[in-house]
Structures are given as C-alpha cells and as structure tokens.
C-alpha cells in the first residue's frame, strides 16, 4: 500500500474466567480503506506447567458486541499520515464471529507471536473487523495481554 503507516493496537491485562469465550481485542478498519495485519501477539501469566492450553483464534467479526474503545498508536511517530483504524476492548458481550482465519493452542506459560506469510497478506476490507478471541479451559483462570500490528 502506498503511504502505508504501521500502527499497533494493544489490550491491557485481562483477567480470563474459567470456561470462557472472550474477545481480547478487535481492530476496525477505516470506512474508506483496507488494512493489512502484520503481526499479532497473545501472552498469558500462568505459573503452573500443568495448566491446560488456551485456544486462541484470529477471526473476522461483525459488530462490536458490548465493548469499549481501545487505543491505537503509530509505531513510527515520523509517519505524517493520520491513523484512521480504531480498536475495541473490554468485551462484556461477544461480537458475532464470522470466519476463523487461524487457530492455535497456546500453553499459558508461553506466548504466541504470529505473522502472515510474506506472499499471503491478511487484508481486512474497509469497515471490516478482525479480532483475537480465546477459549479458556474449564479448570483454570489466568490473565492475558497482547497486541495487533497493522498497516493502513
């Protein structure tokens, strides 16, 4: 994309209940342009090596569910273009899930960092929404934090 700027949308530490399905963060593309996902990260804070893995999903979503506005920051402050992408966090009602694009099992003592293949960019259409959602084990609760880096 010509004139692309790189921005990051982070979500603060979220306490995750047992047996929950929870969107951690959702990024919303501007109404007049698409965005490209460059990298995502999800990490947990368990201190037990016997904890079960979390299922982490990268998915398209519709609607904002019930959530709050998140913060989006330029990675390079020298980029002159104004950022237009927004994010949603603190979900109390889940947005409607559409396509699950990636699915991982992540041990809660580990972290996940994923980048799309160089020749297969992950493009989100204008006004589209992409989120990171986790499905937690029944027997444990931890907290999670992470980010999505995009180009617009």
Foldseek 3Di string as FASTA:
>chain_A
DPLKFKKKFKAPKDKFAAQDKFWAKKKWAAQPWKKWWFKKKKAWDDPDPPFFWKKKWKFWFDDDADWAWTDMGTPDPPRPDDDDMTMTGDHPGDTHTDGGPDIDTGHNHDMDMDGDDPVDIDMAGRRIMITMIIGHHNPDITIMIMMIMMMD
